[in-house]
Amino acid sequence: MISRFNHYSFLIPLIVFLGHQLLEIIFQIRITFIDNYVDPFCMSALALHLLAAERFLFFDDELRVIDVIVTTLFLAFVAEVVFPFFSSRFVADVYDVLAIAIGSVWFVLTSKDFKRSKS
């Protein structure tokens, strides 16, 4: 199970996310593009890895295309509709949805937890 989280498809988004948080919160360094779009990218990539681990642990199965699509749509809906509705700190942005989708594509292309074959 631990080997799932030692794969570069999980470690790169995790390191990028933590590095961005370190720059933003600790060092107070603001880079607008990174501040706006790195977190949604990392969120979807990491969330899909966690979902894949949960699926493996409880169901001994891998994620399929429909799982990735539904999860991506759910994350985009929550981040771009629900959060802005409840807080003015969040702003709905179509580019955030694109960043979430790119994070999901990253997961599909790089993860060993994604079921590519038809069965």
Protein backbone atom coordinates (compact mmCIF):
# COMPACT_ATOMS: atom_id res chain seq x y z
CA MET A 1 0.00 0.00 0.00
CA ILE A 2 2.83 2.40 0.84
CA SER A 3 4.36 1.87 -2.60
CA ARG A 4 1.29 3.54 -4.12
CA PHE A 5 2.34 6.78 -2.45
CA ASN A 6 6.04 6.43 -3.35
CA HIS A 7 5.27 6.76 -7.05
CA TYR A 8 6.19 9.98 -8.88
CA SER A 9 2.58 10.46 -10.01
CA PHE A 10 1.68 11.10 -6.34
CA LEU A 11 4.94 12.61 -5.07
CA ILE A 12 5.29 15.36 -7.68
CA PRO A 13 1.85 16.93 -7.04
CA LEU A 14 2.39 16.52 -3.28
CA ILE A 15 5.79 18.24 -3.35
CA VAL A 16 4.49 20.99 -5.65
CA PHE A 17 1.48 21.57 -3.37
CA LEU A 18 3.57 21.64 -0.19
CA GLY A 19 6.19 23.85 -1.83
CA HIS A 20 3.52 26.28 -2.96
CA GLN A 21 2.01 26.40 0.53
CA LEU A 22 5.46 27.01 2.00
CA LEU A 23 6.11 29.90 -0.40
CA GLU A 24 2.67 31.41 0.09
CA ILE A 25 2.14 31.02 3.84
CA ILE A 26 5.61 30.92 5.39
CA PHE A 27 7.66 33.12 3.05
CA GLN A 28 4.76 35.36 1.90
CA ILE A 29 5.86 35.02 -1.74
CA ARG A 30 3.01 35.54 -4.19
CA ILE A 31 3.16 34.36 -7.80
CA THR A 32 -0.30 35.01 -9.24
CA PHE A 33 -0.48 32.22 -11.81
CA ILE A 34 0.83 29.61 -9.37
CA ASP A 35 -1.37 30.91 -6.55
CA ASN A 36 -4.45 30.58 -8.74
CA TYR A 37 -3.95 27.29 -10.56
CA VAL A 38 -1.45 25.00 -8.84
CA ASP A 39 -3.72 24.06 -5.94
CA PRO A 40 -6.65 22.90 -8.15
CA PHE A 41 -4.23 20.83 -10.26
CA CYS A 42 -2.70 19.20 -7.20
CA MET A 43 -6.09 18.75 -5.52
CA SER A 44 -7.48 16.58 -8.29
CA ALA A 45 -4.27 14.60 -8.79
CA LEU A 46 -3.95 13.86 -5.06
CA ALA A 47 -7.67 13.23 -4.52
CA LEU A 48 -7.71 10.61 -7.27
CA HIS A 49 -4.72 8.86 -5.69
CA LEU A 50 -6.50 8.79 -2.35
CA LEU A 51 -9.66 7.47 -4.02
CA ALA A 52 -7.59 4.79 -5.78
CA ALA A 53 -6.05 3.76 -2.45
CA GLU A 54 -9.49 3.60 -0.83
CA ARG A 55 -10.84 1.57 -3.76
CA PHE A 56 -7.93 -0.87 -3.52
CA LEU A 57 -8.11 -1.17 0.27
CA PHE A 58 -11.85 -1.76 0.57
CA PHE A 59 -12.84 -3.23 -2.79
CA ASP A 60 -9.58 -4.67 -4.19
CA ASP A 61 -10.26 -2.84 -7.44
CA GLU A 62 -8.74 -0.08 -9.58
CA LEU A 63 -10.22 3.18 -10.78
CA ARG A 64 -11.88 3.24 -14.17
CA VAL A 65 -12.55 6.06 -16.62
CA ILE A 66 -16.02 6.71 -15.23
CA ASP A 67 -14.62 6.99 -11.69
CA VAL A 68 -12.11 9.61 -12.81
CA ILE A 69 -14.73 11.58 -14.76
CA VAL A 70 -17.26 11.60 -11.92
CA THR A 71 -14.62 12.54 -9.35
CA THR A 72 -13.31 15.34 -11.56
CA LEU A 73 -16.81 16.74 -12.10
CA PHE A 74 -17.55 16.50 -8.38
CA LEU A 75 -14.33 18.32 -7.43
CA ALA A 76 -14.99 21.02 -10.02
CA PHE A 77 -18.58 21.48 -8.82
CA VAL A 78 -17.60 21.75 -5.17
CA ALA A 79 -14.63 24.05 -5.80
CA GLU A 80 -16.33 26.31 -8.34
CA VAL A 81 -19.98 26.34 -7.26
CA VAL A 82 -20.36 25.27 -3.64
CA PHE A 83 -17.35 27.02 -2.09
CA PRO A 84 -18.00 30.41 -3.79
CA PHE A 85 -21.64 30.19 -2.71
CA PHE A 86 -20.71 29.90 0.96
CA SER A 87 -17.66 32.16 1.08
CA SER A 88 -16.56 35.30 -0.72
CA ARG A 89 -12.95 34.13 -0.35
CA PHE A 90 -13.57 31.70 -3.22
CA VAL A 91 -14.11 32.82 -6.80
CA ALA A 92 -15.57 30.68 -9.56
CA ASP A 93 -13.14 30.52 -12.47
CA VAL A 94 -13.33 28.40 -15.60
CA TYR A 95 -9.53 28.12 -15.59
CA ASP A 96 -9.72 26.41 -12.19
CA VAL A 97 -11.92 23.77 -13.80
CA LEU A 98 -9.29 23.38 -16.51
CA ALA A 99 -6.57 22.99 -13.84
CA ILE A 100 -8.66 20.35 -12.07
CA ALA A 101 -9.13 18.51 -15.37
CA ILE A 102 -5.39 18.68 -16.12
CA GLY A 103 -4.68 17.22 -12.67
CA SER A 104 -7.02 14.34 -13.49
CA VAL A 105 -5.30 13.81 -16.84
CA TRP A 106 -1.97 13.76 -14.96
CA PHE A 107 -3.36 10.97 -12.77
CA VAL A 108 -4.63 8.97 -15.75
CA LEU A 109 -1.40 9.27 -17.72
CA THR A 110 1.05 8.63 -14.89
CA SER A 111 -0.63 6.52 -12.22
CA LYS A 112 -0.23 2.79 -11.96
CA ASP A 113 -3.57 2.72 -10.06
CA PHE A 114 -5.64 3.50 -13.14
CA LYS A 115 -7.23 0.60 -14.97
CA ARG A 116 -6.47 1.08 -18.66
CA SER A 117 -7.59 -2.29 -20.02
CA LYS A 118 -11.16 -3.27 -20.71
CA SER A 119 -12.38 -6.17 -18.63
